[in-house]
């Protein structure tokens, strides 16, 4: 499984629309509107690097309101959230 964090800038009047379009795409698990340098952060989880390339260079490219993106590959996950959820089952 390949996980990528995709930082996005969108046309100001279309940020919510872009977020909704991204959230509907296969391979995008989450989309956050954020403060700071970027407008949106999308989390992509796909089986292989080729699938990520297809998602970023073909599917996301079809959203014309995206004006800039930066994709970062995740190497390793460190998360208490996953552990807490696992141990909370049945409690």
Protein backbone atom coordinates (compact mmCIF):
# COMPACT_ATOMS: atom_id res chain seq x y z
CA UNK A 1 0.00 0.00 0.00
CA UNK A 2 1.32 3.43 -0.99
CA UNK A 3 0.26 6.43 1.09
CA UNK A 4 0.75 9.97 -0.14
CA UNK A 5 -0.02 13.36 1.34
CA UNK A 6 -1.08 15.79 -1.38
CA UNK A 7 -0.97 19.53 -0.63
CA UNK A 8 -3.21 21.59 -2.87
CA UNK A 9 -4.04 25.16 -3.79
CA UNK A 10 -7.32 25.79 -5.57
CA UNK A 11 -9.18 28.74 -7.00
CA UNK A 12 -10.58 30.57 -3.95
CA UNK A 13 -14.20 30.38 -5.01
CA UNK A 14 -13.97 26.64 -5.74
CA UNK A 15 -12.14 25.19 -2.70
CA UNK A 16 -15.19 23.34 -1.37
CA UNK A 17 -16.08 22.05 -4.83
CA UNK A 18 -12.54 20.75 -5.35
CA UNK A 19 -12.60 19.08 -1.93
CA UNK A 20 -15.84 17.30 -2.77
CA UNK A 21 -14.53 16.15 -6.15
CA UNK A 22 -11.35 14.81 -4.54
CA UNK A 23 -13.25 13.02 -1.78
CA UNK A 24 -15.24 11.11 -4.43
CA UNK A 25 -12.12 9.87 -6.24
CA UNK A 26 -11.05 6.28 -5.83
CA UNK A 27 -7.73 6.28 -4.00
CA UNK A 28 -8.41 9.43 -1.96
CA UNK A 29 -9.29 8.41 1.60
CA UNK A 30 -9.56 11.85 3.21
CA UNK A 31 -9.59 15.53 2.28
CA UNK A 32 -9.04 18.34 4.77
CA UNK A 33 -9.47 22.07 4.35
CA UNK A 34 -6.57 23.68 6.19
CA UNK A 35 -5.11 27.01 7.15
CA UNK A 36 -1.71 28.21 6.03
CA UNK A 37 0.11 28.01 2.74
CA UNK A 38 -2.21 25.39 1.21
CA UNK A 39 -6.00 25.24 0.88
CA UNK A 40 -6.51 21.48 1.00
CA UNK A 41 -4.67 18.36 2.09
CA UNK A 42 -5.67 15.05 0.50
CA UNK A 43 -4.57 11.65 1.77
CA UNK A 44 -4.17 9.08 -0.99
CA UNK A 45 -3.95 5.37 -0.30
CA UNK A 46 -3.39 3.20 -3.36
CA UNK A 47 -1.99 -0.28 -4.01
CA UNK A 48 1.10 0.74 -6.00
CA UNK A 49 3.18 3.69 -7.26
CA UNK A 50 1.66 3.33 -10.73
CA UNK A 51 -1.79 3.85 -9.22
CA UNK A 52 -0.57 7.00 -7.47
CA UNK A 53 0.89 8.30 -10.73
CA UNK A 54 -2.44 7.67 -12.47
CA UNK A 55 -4.35 9.41 -9.67
CA UNK A 56 -2.15 12.52 -9.59
CA UNK A 57 -1.30 12.95 -13.29
CA UNK A 58 -4.60 11.88 -14.84
CA UNK A 59 -7.56 11.94 -12.45
CA UNK A 60 -6.59 14.99 -10.39
CA UNK A 61 -5.42 16.83 -13.50
CA UNK A 62 -9.02 16.78 -14.70
CA UNK A 63 -9.98 19.19 -11.88
CA UNK A 64 -9.21 22.51 -13.54
CA UNK A 65 -9.70 24.55 -10.33
CA UNK A 66 -6.55 23.00 -8.81
CA UNK A 67 -3.84 25.58 -9.42
CA UNK A 68 -0.91 23.96 -7.57
CA UNK A 69 -0.10 20.68 -5.89
CA UNK A 70 2.76 19.06 -4.03
CA UNK A 71 2.80 15.31 -3.43
CA UNK A 72 4.74 13.72 -0.59
CA UNK A 73 5.19 9.96 -0.22
CA UNK A 74 4.82 8.51 3.25
CA UNK A 75 7.57 6.08 4.27
CA UNK A 76 6.30 4.89 7.64
CA UNK A 77 3.24 5.61 9.80
CA UNK A 78 3.46 6.50 13.47
CA UNK A 79 -0.03 6.81 14.92
CA UNK A 80 -1.55 6.39 18.37
CA UNK A 81 -4.96 6.79 16.72
CA UNK A 82 -4.78 3.36 15.07
CA UNK A 83 -3.61 1.70 18.29
CA UNK A 84 -6.31 3.41 20.36
CA UNK A 85 -9.00 2.29 17.93
CA UNK A 86 -7.72 -1.29 17.97
CA UNK A 87 -7.71 -1.55 21.77
CA UNK A 88 -11.05 0.25 22.17
CA UNK A 89 -12.99 -2.53 20.42
CA UNK A 90 -15.60 -3.95 22.78
CA UNK A 91 -15.07 -1.35 25.51
